Amino acid sequence: MSKVKDNMVTEGLSGKLGKQIVFRQWSGATILAKAPVMNPGLLKNEAAIKNMIRFKEATVYAKKAMSDPELKQAYESKCKACQNAYARAIQDFFSIPSVEEIDLSNYTGEPDSFIRIYATDSFRISQVQVRIEDAQGSLVEEGFAEQEEATGWWRFTAKVQNQLLEGGKVIATASNLPGNETTKEVNMAQQ
C-alpha cells in the first residue's frame, strides 16, 4: 500500500485501474493498493455463504447506527487509526461480550443483598441479565442488573428471599448493542 500526498496527477483519484491497482481517498491522501482478487470457489463454500449473510447483517446494523447521531459520535470516539464510525460499528457487530466475574460475596439470599457482575465488550455492554436458580434448577428470581457508574461492574439487587443457597446457581448474561450475548454461571457454595 502506498500513500500519495500533494500530487496533482493522482489527486482525487478513486477506483480501479485495470486489474492491478486500486486508488482510494483517505483523510486527504490518495492510497494506492493492489486490487483484490475474488476466488470464485469461495462462492460455493457453505461457510463463506454464511459469512456473507452475517456481513450483510453487520452492514444493516452499521447503517442503522450511523442514522443515530449520538451512537455515531460514540463509535467515532472509539475509532482506531484509519477507521471510521461505520467500520467501527461493523467491528462491534462481530464482537462478543464477556462476563469476566460474578461476585457473590455480598449475596446472602436476603432481599437487598446484591450480586456484582464484571462484563466487558470491545465497545459497550448494553445490559446484563441475572437469573438465580435453586438446587433443583427452579427459578428463584431474575431481572436486569444496573451498571455501577463509570465502571464495567453491574449490580443486581435481590428482591426475593432465597433460603436454600447451597446447590443453587447464578447465571449472568451480558449483551452488547448489536445483540450478541455471552452467559456465565457460578454455583453457590454453602454460606
N, C-alpha and C. Protein backbone atom coordinates (compact mmCIF):
# COMPACT_ATOMS: atom_id res chain seq x y z
N MET A 1 0.84 -1.16 0.00
CA MET A 1 0.00 0.00 0.00
C MET A 1 0.89 1.23 0.00
N SER A 2 0.60 2.15 -0.86
CA SER A 2 1.36 3.39 -0.96
C SER A 2 0.44 4.57 -0.73
N LYS A 3 0.98 5.64 -0.15
CA LYS A 3 0.21 6.87 0.03
C LYS A 3 0.83 7.94 -0.85
N VAL A 4 -0.03 8.68 -1.52
CA VAL A 4 0.43 9.78 -2.36
C VAL A 4 -0.16 11.06 -1.81
N LYS A 5 0.70 12.03 -1.50
CA LYS A 5 0.24 13.31 -0.96
C LYS A 5 0.66 14.43 -1.91
N ASP A 6 -0.24 15.38 -2.09
CA ASP A 6 0.05 16.60 -2.84
C ASP A 6 0.63 16.31 -4.23
N ASN A 7 -0.05 15.44 -4.98
CA ASN A 7 0.35 15.12 -6.34
C ASN A 7 -0.81 15.46 -7.26
N MET A 8 -0.63 16.41 -8.15
CA MET A 8 -1.74 16.87 -8.99
C MET A 8 -2.22 15.81 -9.98
N VAL A 9 -1.44 14.81 -10.29
CA VAL A 9 -1.85 13.74 -11.21
C VAL A 9 -2.81 12.77 -10.52
N THR A 10 -2.52 12.41 -9.27
CA THR A 10 -3.34 11.41 -8.58
C THR A 10 -4.36 12.02 -7.63
N GLU A 11 -4.33 13.33 -7.44
CA GLU A 11 -5.24 13.99 -6.51
C GLU A 11 -6.70 13.69 -6.86
N GLY A 12 -7.43 13.16 -5.90
CA GLY A 12 -8.86 12.89 -6.08
C GLY A 12 -9.17 11.58 -6.78
N LEU A 13 -8.17 10.84 -7.19
CA LEU A 13 -8.43 9.57 -7.87
C LEU A 13 -9.02 8.55 -6.91
N SER A 14 -10.01 7.80 -7.39
CA SER A 14 -10.51 6.66 -6.65
C SER A 14 -11.06 5.67 -7.66
N GLY A 15 -10.92 4.40 -7.35
CA GLY A 15 -11.41 3.36 -8.24
C GLY A 15 -10.28 2.43 -8.66
N LYS A 16 -10.61 1.58 -9.61
CA LYS A 16 -9.69 0.53 -10.05
C LYS A 16 -9.05 0.91 -11.39
N LEU A 17 -7.76 0.66 -11.52
CA LEU A 17 -7.05 0.89 -12.77
C LEU A 17 -6.63 -0.48 -13.29
N GLY A 18 -7.28 -0.92 -14.34
CA GLY A 18 -7.02 -2.26 -14.86
C GLY A 18 -7.45 -3.29 -13.83
N LYS A 19 -6.66 -4.34 -13.70
CA LYS A 19 -6.97 -5.38 -12.72
C LYS A 19 -5.89 -5.47 -11.64
N GLN A 20 -5.07 -4.39 -11.57
CA GLN A 20 -3.93 -4.48 -10.67
C GLN A 20 -3.89 -3.43 -9.57
N ILE A 21 -4.41 -2.23 -9.81
CA ILE A 21 -4.25 -1.13 -8.84
C ILE A 21 -5.61 -0.57 -8.45
N VAL A 22 -5.75 -0.25 -7.18
CA VAL A 22 -6.95 0.41 -6.67
C VAL A 22 -6.51 1.72 -6.02
N PHE A 23 -7.22 2.81 -6.33
CA PHE A 23 -6.98 4.12 -5.71
C PHE A 23 -8.10 4.37 -4.71
N ARG A 24 -7.73 4.85 -3.52
CA ARG A 24 -8.73 5.20 -2.50
C ARG A 24 -8.35 6.54 -1.90
N GLN A 25 -9.37 7.25 -1.43
CA GLN A 25 -9.14 8.52 -0.75
C GLN A 25 -9.34 8.30 0.74
N TRP A 26 -8.36 8.77 1.54
CA TRP A 26 -8.50 8.65 2.98
C TRP A 26 -7.81 9.83 3.64
N SER A 27 -8.57 10.62 4.36
CA SER A 27 -8.04 11.76 5.12
C SER A 27 -7.18 12.68 4.25
N GLY A 28 -7.65 12.97 3.06
CA GLY A 28 -6.95 13.90 2.19
C GLY A 28 -5.79 13.31 1.43
N ALA A 29 -5.54 12.02 1.57
CA ALA A 29 -4.44 11.37 0.86
C ALA A 29 -5.01 10.33 -0.10
N THR A 30 -4.31 10.14 -1.21
CA THR A 30 -4.67 9.09 -2.15
C THR A 30 -3.87 7.85 -1.80
N ILE A 31 -4.56 6.74 -1.63
CA ILE A 31 -3.90 5.49 -1.26
C ILE A 31 -3.97 4.54 -2.45
N LEU A 32 -2.82 4.00 -2.82
CA LEU A 32 -2.74 3.00 -3.90
C LEU A 32 -2.55 1.64 -3.26
N ALA A 33 -3.30 0.66 -3.75
CA ALA A 33 -3.16 -0.70 -3.22
C ALA A 33 -3.35 -1.70 -4.34
N LYS A 34 -2.90 -2.90 -4.11
CA LYS A 34 -3.09 -3.98 -5.06
C LYS A 34 -4.58 -4.31 -5.10
N ALA A 35 -5.12 -4.51 -6.28
CA ALA A 35 -6.54 -4.82 -6.43
C ALA A 35 -6.86 -6.18 -5.82
N PRO A 36 -7.97 -6.27 -5.08
CA PRO A 36 -8.35 -7.56 -4.51
C PRO A 36 -8.76 -8.54 -5.61
N VAL A 37 -8.54 -9.81 -5.35
CA VAL A 37 -8.89 -10.85 -6.32
C VAL A 37 -9.95 -11.74 -5.67
N MET A 38 -11.07 -11.91 -6.35
CA MET A 38 -12.15 -12.75 -5.84
C MET A 38 -11.91 -14.19 -6.26
N ASN A 39 -11.99 -15.10 -5.31
CA ASN A 39 -11.84 -16.52 -5.58
C ASN A 39 -13.23 -17.10 -5.86
N PRO A 40 -13.55 -17.48 -7.11
CA PRO A 40 -14.88 -17.98 -7.42
C PRO A 40 -15.25 -19.25 -6.66
N GLY A 41 -14.25 -20.00 -6.21
CA GLY A 41 -14.52 -21.20 -5.43
C GLY A 41 -15.15 -20.90 -4.08
N LEU A 42 -14.91 -19.70 -3.55
CA LEU A 42 -15.48 -19.33 -2.27
C LEU A 42 -17.00 -19.18 -2.32
N LEU A 43 -17.52 -18.81 -3.47
CA LEU A 43 -18.96 -18.60 -3.58
C LEU A 43 -19.76 -19.88 -3.37
N LYS A 44 -19.12 -21.03 -3.53
CA LYS A 44 -19.81 -22.30 -3.35
C LYS A 44 -19.56 -22.89 -1.97
N ASN A 45 -18.70 -22.28 -1.20
CA ASN A 45 -18.35 -22.76 0.13
C ASN A 45 -19.45 -22.35 1.11
N GLU A 46 -19.99 -23.30 1.85
CA GLU A 46 -21.10 -23.03 2.78
C GLU A 46 -20.70 -22.03 3.86
N ALA A 47 -19.49 -22.16 4.39
CA ALA A 47 -19.02 -21.23 5.42
C ALA A 47 -18.91 -19.81 4.87
N ALA A 48 -18.45 -19.68 3.62
CA ALA A 48 -18.33 -18.36 3.00
C ALA A 48 -19.71 -17.73 2.81
N ILE A 49 -20.68 -18.54 2.44
CA ILE A 49 -22.05 -18.04 2.26
C ILE A 49 -22.60 -17.54 3.60
N LYS A 50 -22.37 -18.29 4.67
CA LYS A 50 -22.82 -17.87 6.00
C LYS A 50 -22.13 -16.57 6.41
N ASN A 51 -20.83 -16.45 6.09
CA ASN A 51 -20.11 -15.22 6.41
C ASN A 51 -20.65 -14.03 5.64
N MET A 52 -21.01 -14.24 4.36
CA MET A 52 -21.57 -13.14 3.56
C MET A 52 -22.91 -12.68 4.14
N ILE A 53 -23.73 -13.64 4.56
CA ILE A 53 -25.02 -13.29 5.17
C ILE A 53 -24.80 -12.52 6.46
N ARG A 54 -23.86 -12.99 7.27
CA ARG A 54 -23.56 -12.32 8.54
C ARG A 54 -23.01 -10.91 8.29
N PHE A 55 -22.19 -10.76 7.24
CA PHE A 55 -21.66 -9.43 6.92
C PHE A 55 -22.78 -8.50 6.45
N LYS A 56 -23.73 -9.02 5.70
CA LYS A 56 -24.89 -8.19 5.30
C LYS A 56 -25.66 -7.72 6.53
N GLU A 57 -25.82 -8.61 7.51
CA GLU A 57 -26.48 -8.21 8.76
C GLU A 57 -25.67 -7.13 9.47
N ALA A 58 -24.36 -7.24 9.43
CA ALA A 58 -23.48 -6.24 10.05
C ALA A 58 -23.64 -4.88 9.38
N THR A 59 -23.74 -4.87 8.06
CA THR A 59 -23.90 -3.58 7.36
C THR A 59 -25.26 -2.96 7.66
N VAL A 60 -26.29 -3.77 7.81
CA VAL A 60 -27.61 -3.24 8.18
C VAL A 60 -27.52 -2.60 9.56
N TYR A 61 -26.85 -3.28 10.49
CA TYR A 61 -26.68 -2.71 11.84
C TYR A 61 -25.88 -1.40 11.77
N ALA A 62 -24.79 -1.39 11.02
CA ALA A 62 -23.94 -0.19 10.95
C ALA A 62 -24.70 0.99 10.34
N LYS A 63 -25.50 0.74 9.31
CA LYS A 63 -26.29 1.82 8.71
C LYS A 63 -27.29 2.38 9.71
N LYS A 64 -27.91 1.50 10.46
CA LYS A 64 -28.86 1.94 11.48
C LYS A 64 -28.13 2.76 12.56
N ALA A 65 -26.95 2.30 12.98
CA ALA A 65 -26.18 3.02 13.99
C ALA A 65 -25.76 4.40 13.48
N MET A 66 -25.43 4.52 12.20
CA MET A 66 -24.99 5.81 11.64
C MET A 66 -26.15 6.80 11.53
N SER A 67 -27.38 6.30 11.53
CA SER A 67 -28.53 7.21 11.47
C SER A 67 -28.87 7.80 12.84
N ASP A 68 -28.25 7.28 13.90
CA ASP A 68 -28.43 7.82 15.25
C ASP A 68 -27.21 8.69 15.57
N PRO A 69 -27.37 10.03 15.61
CA PRO A 69 -26.22 10.92 15.80
C PRO A 69 -25.40 10.63 17.06
N GLU A 70 -26.06 10.31 18.18
CA GLU A 70 -25.33 10.05 19.41
C GLU A 70 -24.51 8.76 19.31
N LEU A 71 -25.11 7.73 18.74
CA LEU A 71 -24.41 6.46 18.60
C LEU A 71 -23.27 6.58 17.60
N LYS A 72 -23.50 7.34 16.52
CA LYS A 72 -22.43 7.57 15.54
C LYS A 72 -21.25 8.27 16.20
N GLN A 73 -21.53 9.28 17.02
CA GLN A 73 -20.47 10.00 17.72
C GLN A 73 -19.73 9.08 18.69
N ALA A 74 -20.47 8.20 19.35
CA ALA A 74 -19.84 7.25 20.28
C ALA A 74 -18.91 6.31 19.53
N TYR A 75 -19.34 5.82 18.37
CA TYR A 75 -18.47 4.96 17.57
C TYR A 75 -17.25 5.73 17.07
N GLU A 76 -17.44 6.99 16.65
CA GLU A 76 -16.32 7.81 16.19
C GLU A 76 -15.27 7.98 17.29
N SER A 77 -15.74 8.11 18.53
CA SER A 77 -14.80 8.31 19.64
C SER A 77 -13.98 7.06 19.95
N LYS A 78 -14.40 5.90 19.45
CA LYS A 78 -13.67 4.64 19.70
C LYS A 78 -12.93 4.14 18.46
N CYS A 79 -12.82 4.97 17.42
CA CYS A 79 -12.15 4.56 16.19
C CYS A 79 -10.65 4.48 16.36
N LYS A 80 -10.06 3.51 15.67
CA LYS A 80 -8.61 3.40 15.62
C LYS A 80 -8.13 4.19 14.41
N ALA A 81 -6.82 4.28 14.21
CA ALA A 81 -6.26 4.99 13.06
C ALA A 81 -6.81 4.38 11.77
N CYS A 82 -7.11 5.21 10.81
CA CYS A 82 -7.64 4.79 9.50
C CYS A 82 -8.93 3.99 9.63
N GLN A 83 -9.76 4.33 10.60
CA GLN A 83 -11.05 3.66 10.78
C GLN A 83 -12.11 4.74 10.92
N ASN A 84 -13.28 4.49 10.36
CA ASN A 84 -14.37 5.44 10.53
C ASN A 84 -15.46 4.81 11.40
N ALA A 85 -16.47 5.59 11.75
CA ALA A 85 -17.52 5.12 12.66
C ALA A 85 -18.28 3.94 12.07
N TYR A 86 -18.51 3.95 10.77
CA TYR A 86 -19.23 2.85 10.11
C TYR A 86 -18.45 1.54 10.25
N ALA A 87 -17.15 1.58 10.00
CA ALA A 87 -16.32 0.38 10.13
C ALA A 87 -16.24 -0.06 11.59
N ARG A 88 -16.23 0.90 12.52
CA ARG A 88 -16.20 0.56 13.95
C ARG A 88 -17.50 -0.12 14.37
N ALA A 89 -18.63 0.31 13.80
CA ALA A 89 -19.92 -0.32 14.10
C ALA A 89 -19.96 -1.75 13.57
N ILE A 90 -19.39 -1.96 12.38
CA ILE A 90 -19.32 -3.33 11.84
C ILE A 90 -18.43 -4.19 12.73
N GLN A 91 -17.32 -3.65 13.17
CA GLN A 91 -16.43 -4.39 14.08
C GLN A 91 -17.17 -4.75 15.36
N ASP A 92 -17.96 -3.83 15.88
CA ASP A 92 -18.73 -4.10 17.10
C ASP A 92 -19.76 -5.20 16.87
N PHE A 93 -20.35 -5.24 15.68
CA PHE A 93 -21.34 -6.27 15.37
C PHE A 93 -20.73 -7.67 15.50
N PHE A 94 -19.47 -7.80 15.15
CA PHE A 94 -18.81 -9.10 15.21
C PHE A 94 -18.16 -9.40 16.56
N SER A 95 -18.14 -8.41 17.45
CA SER A 95 -17.52 -8.66 18.76
C SER A 95 -18.51 -9.33 19.70
N ILE A 96 -17.97 -10.12 20.61
CA ILE A 96 -18.80 -10.84 21.57
C ILE A 96 -18.45 -10.32 22.96
N PRO A 97 -19.46 -9.97 23.76
CA PRO A 97 -19.16 -9.51 25.11
C PRO A 97 -18.61 -10.65 25.97
N SER A 98 -18.07 -10.29 27.11
CA SER A 98 -17.50 -11.29 28.01
C SER A 98 -17.96 -11.01 29.44
N VAL A 99 -18.37 -12.07 30.13
CA VAL A 99 -18.66 -11.96 31.56
C VAL A 99 -17.40 -12.48 32.27
N GLU A 100 -16.65 -11.55 32.83
CA GLU A 100 -15.36 -11.89 33.42
C GLU A 100 -15.50 -12.47 34.83
N GLU A 101 -16.43 -11.91 35.61
CA GLU A 101 -16.52 -12.32 37.01
C GLU A 101 -17.94 -12.14 37.52
N ILE A 102 -18.37 -13.07 38.38
CA ILE A 102 -19.62 -12.95 39.11
C ILE A 102 -19.25 -12.99 40.59
N ASP A 103 -19.45 -11.88 41.28
CA ASP A 103 -19.06 -11.74 42.69
C ASP A 103 -20.28 -11.97 43.58
N LEU A 104 -20.26 -13.06 44.35
CA LEU A 104 -21.37 -13.40 45.24
C LEU A 104 -21.09 -13.04 46.70
N SER A 105 -19.99 -12.32 46.96
CA SER A 105 -19.59 -12.05 48.34
C SER A 105 -20.61 -11.22 49.11
N ASN A 106 -21.45 -10.46 48.44
CA ASN A 106 -22.46 -9.63 49.11
C ASN A 106 -23.87 -10.20 48.98
N TYR A 107 -23.97 -11.42 48.46
CA TYR A 107 -25.29 -12.04 48.30
C TYR A 107 -25.50 -13.06 49.42
N THR A 108 -26.52 -12.80 50.26
CA THR A 108 -26.82 -13.67 51.39
C THR A 108 -28.12 -14.44 51.19
N GLY A 109 -28.84 -14.16 50.13
CA GLY A 109 -30.16 -14.75 49.93
C GLY A 109 -31.27 -13.88 50.48
N GLU A 110 -30.90 -12.85 51.19
CA GLU A 110 -31.87 -11.91 51.75
C GLU A 110 -32.19 -10.82 50.74
N PRO A 111 -33.41 -10.28 50.77
CA PRO A 111 -33.70 -9.11 49.94
C PRO A 111 -32.73 -7.98 50.25
N ASP A 112 -32.37 -7.22 49.26
CA ASP A 112 -31.43 -6.09 49.31
C ASP A 112 -29.97 -6.52 49.37
N SER A 113 -29.66 -7.82 49.45
CA SER A 113 -28.28 -8.24 49.24
C SER A 113 -28.06 -8.20 47.73
N PHE A 114 -26.81 -8.19 47.29
CA PHE A 114 -26.60 -7.98 45.86
C PHE A 114 -25.50 -8.85 45.28
N ILE A 115 -25.56 -8.99 43.97
CA ILE A 115 -24.58 -9.74 43.18
C ILE A 115 -23.94 -8.74 42.23
N ARG A 116 -22.61 -8.80 42.11
CA ARG A 116 -21.91 -7.92 41.17
C ARG A 116 -21.38 -8.76 40.01
N ILE A 117 -21.49 -8.20 38.81
CA ILE A 117 -21.03 -8.87 37.59
C ILE A 117 -20.09 -7.92 36.87
N TYR A 118 -18.91 -8.44 36.49
CA TYR A 118 -17.98 -7.64 35.70
C TYR A 118 -18.06 -8.12 34.26
N ALA A 119 -18.57 -7.26 33.37
CA ALA A 119 -18.75 -7.61 31.96
C ALA A 119 -18.04 -6.59 31.08
N THR A 120 -17.43 -7.09 29.99
CA THR A 120 -16.69 -6.22 29.08
C THR A 120 -17.09 -6.49 27.64
N ASP A 121 -16.82 -5.52 26.79
CA ASP A 121 -17.05 -5.64 25.35
C ASP A 121 -16.07 -4.70 24.66
N SER A 122 -15.81 -4.92 23.39
CA SER A 122 -14.89 -4.04 22.66
C SER A 122 -15.45 -2.63 22.51
N PHE A 123 -16.77 -2.48 22.63
CA PHE A 123 -17.38 -1.15 22.55
C PHE A 123 -18.18 -0.83 23.80
N ARG A 124 -19.33 -1.49 23.98
CA ARG A 124 -20.19 -1.16 25.12
C ARG A 124 -21.13 -2.33 25.43
N ILE A 125 -21.29 -2.61 26.72
CA ILE A 125 -22.30 -3.57 27.18
C ILE A 125 -23.62 -2.81 27.28
N SER A 126 -24.69 -3.37 26.72
CA SER A 126 -25.98 -2.69 26.77
C SER A 126 -26.82 -3.13 27.96
N GLN A 127 -26.70 -4.40 28.36
CA GLN A 127 -27.45 -4.87 29.52
C GLN A 127 -26.85 -6.16 30.06
N VAL A 128 -27.14 -6.41 31.34
CA VAL A 128 -26.75 -7.66 31.98
C VAL A 128 -27.98 -8.20 32.69
N GLN A 129 -28.34 -9.42 32.32
CA GLN A 129 -29.49 -10.07 32.94
C GLN A 129 -28.98 -11.13 33.90
N VAL A 130 -29.61 -11.23 35.07
CA VAL A 130 -29.20 -12.17 36.10
C VAL A 130 -30.37 -13.10 36.41
N ARG A 131 -30.04 -14.38 36.53
CA ARG A 131 -31.03 -15.40 36.89
C ARG A 131 -30.46 -16.20 38.06
N ILE A 132 -31.28 -16.35 39.11
CA ILE A 132 -30.89 -17.13 40.28
C ILE A 132 -31.77 -18.37 40.32
N GLU A 133 -31.12 -19.54 40.39
CA GLU A 133 -31.85 -20.80 40.44
C GLU A 133 -31.50 -21.55 41.72
N ASP A 134 -32.45 -22.38 42.20
CA ASP A 134 -32.18 -23.22 43.37
C ASP A 134 -31.50 -24.51 42.93
N ALA A 135 -31.25 -25.40 43.88
CA ALA A 135 -30.52 -26.65 43.59
C ALA A 135 -31.23 -27.53 42.57
N GLN A 136 -32.56 -27.42 42.46
CA GLN A 136 -33.31 -28.22 41.50
C GLN A 136 -33.42 -27.54 40.13
N GLY A 137 -32.85 -26.38 40.00
CA GLY A 137 -32.89 -25.65 38.73
C GLY A 137 -34.13 -24.79 38.55
N SER A 138 -34.93 -24.66 39.62
CA SER A 138 -36.13 -23.82 39.55
C SER A 138 -35.75 -22.35 39.75
N LEU A 139 -36.48 -21.49 39.09
CA LEU A 139 -36.22 -20.06 39.17
C LEU A 139 -36.55 -19.52 40.55
N VAL A 140 -35.59 -18.81 41.13
CA VAL A 140 -35.81 -18.11 42.39
C VAL A 140 -36.15 -16.65 42.07
N GLU A 141 -35.35 -16.08 41.17
CA GLU A 141 -35.51 -14.67 40.82
C GLU A 141 -34.70 -14.37 39.57
N GLU A 142 -35.19 -13.42 38.78
CA GLU A 142 -34.39 -12.93 37.65
C GLU A 142 -34.74 -11.48 37.37
N GLY A 143 -33.81 -10.80 36.71
CA GLY A 143 -34.01 -9.41 36.37
C GLY A 143 -32.74 -8.83 35.77
N PHE A 144 -32.76 -7.53 35.57
CA PHE A 144 -31.63 -6.84 34.96
C PHE A 144 -30.80 -6.14 36.03
N ALA A 145 -29.49 -6.20 35.85
CA ALA A 145 -28.56 -5.51 36.74
C ALA A 145 -28.42 -4.07 36.27
N GLU A 146 -28.01 -3.22 37.18
CA GLU A 146 -27.75 -1.81 36.85
C GLU A 146 -26.26 -1.57 36.86
N GLN A 147 -25.79 -0.80 35.88
CA GLN A 147 -24.36 -0.53 35.79
C GLN A 147 -23.92 0.43 36.88
N GLU A 148 -22.81 0.07 37.54
CA GLU A 148 -22.22 0.99 38.51
C GLU A 148 -21.53 2.09 37.73
N GLU A 149 -21.62 3.29 38.20
CA GLU A 149 -21.17 4.47 37.47
C GLU A 149 -19.72 4.38 37.03
N ALA A 150 -19.51 4.56 35.71
CA ALA A 150 -18.18 4.66 35.09
C ALA A 150 -17.29 3.45 35.35
N THR A 151 -17.89 2.26 35.43
CA THR A 151 -17.10 1.03 35.61
C THR A 151 -17.68 -0.07 34.72
N GLY A 152 -17.02 -1.20 34.68
CA GLY A 152 -17.53 -2.36 33.98
C GLY A 152 -18.35 -3.26 34.88
N TRP A 153 -18.57 -2.83 36.15
CA TRP A 153 -19.33 -3.62 37.10
C TRP A 153 -20.82 -3.32 37.01
N TRP A 154 -21.61 -4.36 37.13
CA TRP A 154 -23.07 -4.27 37.13
C TRP A 154 -23.56 -4.87 38.44
N ARG A 155 -24.62 -4.30 39.01
CA ARG A 155 -25.14 -4.75 40.31
C ARG A 155 -26.59 -5.19 40.18
N PHE A 156 -26.83 -6.42 40.65
CA PHE A 156 -28.19 -6.95 40.71
C PHE A 156 -28.58 -7.04 42.18
N THR A 157 -29.62 -6.31 42.58
CA THR A 157 -30.08 -6.31 43.96
C THR A 157 -31.24 -7.28 44.10
N ALA A 158 -31.11 -8.22 45.04
CA ALA A 158 -32.16 -9.24 45.24
C ALA A 158 -33.42 -8.61 45.82
N LYS A 159 -34.54 -9.12 45.38
CA LYS A 159 -35.83 -8.67 45.88
C LYS A 159 -36.59 -9.80 46.56
N VAL A 160 -36.14 -11.03 46.32
CA VAL A 160 -36.83 -12.22 46.80
C VAL A 160 -35.94 -12.97 47.81
N GLN A 161 -36.56 -13.50 48.85
CA GLN A 161 -35.86 -14.32 49.84
C GLN A 161 -35.44 -15.64 49.21
N ASN A 162 -34.17 -16.02 49.38
CA ASN A 162 -33.65 -17.30 48.89
C ASN A 162 -33.03 -18.02 50.09
N GLN A 163 -33.77 -19.00 50.65
CA GLN A 163 -33.31 -19.64 51.88
C GLN A 163 -32.34 -20.78 51.62
N LEU A 164 -32.40 -21.40 50.45
CA LEU A 164 -31.54 -22.54 50.16
C LEU A 164 -30.48 -22.16 49.13
N LEU A 165 -29.39 -21.60 49.60
CA LEU A 165 -28.32 -21.17 48.69
C LEU A 165 -27.50 -22.35 48.19
N GLU A 166 -27.25 -23.34 49.06
CA GLU A 166 -26.38 -24.45 48.71
C GLU A 166 -26.94 -25.21 47.51
N GLY A 167 -26.10 -25.40 46.50
CA GLY A 167 -26.51 -26.13 45.29
C GLY A 167 -27.16 -25.26 44.24
N GLY A 168 -27.48 -24.03 44.60
CA GLY A 168 -28.09 -23.12 43.63
C GLY A 168 -27.03 -22.52 42.72
N LYS A 169 -27.47 -21.77 41.75
CA LYS A 169 -26.50 -21.12 40.86
C LYS A 169 -27.01 -19.77 40.40
N VAL A 170 -26.07 -18.94 40.00
CA VAL A 170 -26.35 -17.62 39.43
C VAL A 170 -25.88 -17.64 37.99
N ILE A 171 -26.76 -17.21 37.09
CA ILE A 171 -26.45 -17.16 35.66
C ILE A 171 -26.53 -15.71 35.22
N ALA A 172 -25.44 -15.19 34.66
CA ALA A 172 -25.39 -13.81 34.17
C ALA A 172 -25.21 -13.82 32.66
N THR A 173 -26.04 -13.04 31.97
CA THR A 173 -25.96 -12.92 30.51
C THR A 173 -25.71 -11.46 30.15
N ALA A 174 -24.57 -11.20 29.52
CA ALA A 174 -24.23 -9.84 29.08
C ALA A 174 -24.53 -9.71 27.60
N SER A 175 -25.11 -8.56 27.22
CA SER A 175 -25.43 -8.28 25.81
C SER A 175 -24.77 -6.98 25.40
N ASN A 176 -24.33 -6.92 24.12
CA ASN A 176 -23.81 -5.66 23.60
C ASN A 176 -24.86 -5.01 22.70
N LEU A 177 -24.57 -3.85 22.16
CA LEU A 177 -25.55 -3.11 21.36
C LEU A 177 -26.07 -3.87 20.14
N PRO A 178 -25.23 -4.59 19.39
CA PRO A 178 -25.75 -5.34 18.25
C PRO A 178 -26.58 -6.57 18.65
N GLY A 179 -26.58 -6.92 19.94
CA GLY A 179 -27.39 -8.04 20.40
C GLY A 179 -26.63 -9.33 20.63
N ASN A 180 -25.31 -9.32 20.55
CA ASN A 180 -24.52 -10.51 20.85
C ASN A 180 -24.55 -10.74 22.36
N GLU A 181 -24.59 -12.01 22.76
CA GLU A 181 -24.70 -12.35 24.17
C GLU A 181 -23.65 -13.37 24.59
N THR A 182 -23.28 -13.28 25.87
CA THR A 182 -22.42 -14.28 26.50
C THR A 182 -23.00 -14.58 27.86
N THR A 183 -23.00 -15.85 28.22
CA THR A 183 -23.54 -16.28 29.50
C THR A 183 -22.46 -16.97 30.33
N LYS A 184 -22.49 -16.69 31.61
CA LYS A 184 -21.58 -17.37 32.55
C LYS A 184 -22.41 -17.73 33.78
N GLU A 185 -22.11 -18.87 34.37
CA GLU A 185 -22.80 -19.25 35.59
C GLU A 185 -21.81 -19.68 36.66
N VAL A 186 -22.21 -19.45 37.91
CA VAL A 186 -21.41 -19.88 39.05
C VAL A 186 -22.33 -20.58 40.05
N ASN A 187 -21.79 -21.60 40.69
CA ASN A 187 -22.53 -22.32 41.71
C ASN A 187 -22.37 -21.61 43.05
N MET A 188 -23.44 -21.64 43.83
CA MET A 188 -23.40 -21.04 45.16
C MET A 188 -22.97 -22.10 46.16
N ALA A 189 -21.97 -21.79 46.94
CA ALA A 189 -21.50 -22.70 47.98
C ALA A 189 -22.27 -22.42 49.27
N GLN A 190 -22.19 -23.34 50.20
CA GLN A 190 -22.85 -23.14 51.48
C GLN A 190 -22.24 -21.94 52.16
N GLN A 191 -23.07 -21.06 52.64
CA GLN A 191 -22.58 -19.82 53.24
C GLN A 191 -22.56 -19.91 54.75
